[in-house]
Amino acid sequence: MNPPCNCSEWIGDLARAHTRRLAAVARHEGLGGDDALDAVQDGFRTLLARADAAALRDRPDEAALLLTAIVRNAARNLRECAAAAGRFY
């Protein structure tokens, strides 16, 4: 098992640089503002939980691309769950 990533500075820099763009990705997938931010937060949580999170600190471009894919998938999942529950955006 890999040790947890002690990545607060790295993830903070990543958040400052990409949160607006990531929220726009989530909104493009059909989410409203608050739900888009939830998808972004879920994306960061998922990124930090990955076994290779610490290694991604040295590959910021790759981390940003991966985070974009994670947020896009999180947004789609939120939208589909909302539709299944009868809530629509």
Protein backbone atom coordinates (compact mmCIF):
# COMPACT_ATOMS: atom_id res chain seq x y z
CA MET A 1 0.00 0.00 0.00
CA ASN A 2 1.28 3.46 -0.91
CA PRO A 3 1.62 6.08 1.84
CA PRO A 4 -0.91 8.92 1.66
CA CYS A 5 0.06 11.98 -0.31
CA ASN A 6 1.04 14.97 1.81
CA CYS A 7 0.03 17.29 -1.00
CA SER A 8 -1.67 20.34 0.51
CA GLU A 9 0.53 22.95 -1.21
CA TRP A 10 0.43 21.13 -4.55
CA ILE A 11 -3.33 20.58 -4.48
CA GLY A 12 -3.87 24.20 -3.41
CA ASP A 13 -1.84 25.42 -6.38
CA LEU A 14 -3.75 23.07 -8.66
CA ALA A 15 -7.07 24.34 -7.27
CA ARG A 16 -6.12 28.00 -7.73
CA ALA A 17 -4.98 27.38 -11.29
CA HIS A 18 -7.83 25.17 -12.50
CA THR A 19 -11.02 25.45 -10.42
CA ARG A 20 -12.75 27.97 -12.70
CA ARG A 21 -11.92 25.96 -15.80
CA LEU A 22 -13.02 22.72 -14.15
CA ALA A 23 -16.30 24.28 -13.02
CA ALA A 24 -16.87 25.40 -16.62
CA VAL A 25 -16.31 21.80 -17.76
CA ALA A 26 -18.93 20.62 -15.26
CA ARG A 27 -21.37 23.35 -16.34
CA HIS A 28 -20.82 22.34 -19.96
CA GLU A 29 -21.94 18.84 -18.92
CA GLY A 30 -25.23 20.35 -17.77
CA LEU A 31 -24.74 21.14 -14.08
CA GLY A 32 -25.73 24.34 -12.33
CA GLY A 33 -23.19 26.44 -10.45
CA ASP A 34 -23.36 24.77 -7.02
CA ASP A 35 -23.45 21.27 -8.46
CA ALA A 36 -20.55 22.12 -10.76
CA LEU A 37 -18.47 23.10 -7.73
CA ASP A 38 -19.50 19.85 -6.04
CA ALA A 39 -18.22 17.95 -9.08
CA VAL A 40 -14.93 19.86 -8.89
CA GLN A 41 -14.54 19.09 -5.19
CA ASP A 42 -15.32 15.44 -5.86
CA GLY A 43 -12.69 15.50 -8.59
CA PHE A 44 -10.01 16.77 -6.22
CA ARG A 45 -11.01 14.18 -3.60
CA THR A 46 -10.79 11.42 -6.20
CA LEU A 47 -7.42 12.68 -7.43
CA LEU A 48 -6.00 12.69 -3.90
CA ALA A 49 -7.30 9.17 -3.25
CA ARG A 50 -5.44 7.73 -6.24
CA ALA A 51 -2.45 5.51 -5.54
CA ASP A 52 -0.32 7.67 -7.86
CA ALA A 53 -1.35 11.04 -6.37
CA ALA A 54 2.09 11.79 -4.95
CA ALA A 55 3.76 10.99 -8.27
CA LEU A 56 1.43 13.40 -10.08
CA ARG A 57 2.94 16.33 -8.14
CA ASP A 58 5.90 16.20 -10.51
CA ARG A 59 3.65 16.05 -13.59
CA PRO A 60 1.32 19.06 -13.32
CA ASP A 61 0.12 18.95 -16.93
CA GLU A 62 -0.80 15.29 -16.62
CA ALA A 63 -2.50 15.97 -13.27
CA ALA A 64 -4.57 18.77 -14.82
CA LEU A 65 -5.66 16.55 -17.72
CA LEU A 66 -6.55 13.71 -15.39
CA LEU A 67 -8.45 16.06 -13.10
CA THR A 68 -10.43 17.36 -16.09
CA ALA A 69 -11.47 13.82 -17.00
CA ILE A 70 -12.40 13.03 -13.40
CA VAL A 71 -14.52 16.20 -13.09
CA ARG A 72 -16.22 15.54 -16.42
CA ASN A 73 -17.16 12.04 -15.27
CA ALA A 74 -18.30 13.31 -11.86
CA ALA A 75 -20.51 15.91 -13.57
CA ARG A 76 -22.05 13.30 -15.84
CA ASN A 77 -22.71 11.03 -12.86
CA LEU A 78 -24.36 13.85 -10.89
CA ARG A 79 -26.51 14.78 -13.88
CA GLU A 80 -27.56 11.16 -14.46
CA CYS A 81 -28.37 10.61 -10.77
CA ALA A 82 -30.44 13.79 -10.73
CA ALA A 83 -32.33 12.70 -13.85
CA ALA A 84 -32.99 9.27 -12.36
CA ALA A 85 -34.37 10.95 -9.23
CA GLY A 86 -36.63 13.16 -11.31
CA ARG A 87 -34.55 16.32 -10.83
CA PHE A 88 -33.46 18.08 -13.98
CA TYR A 89 -30.99 20.90 -14.48
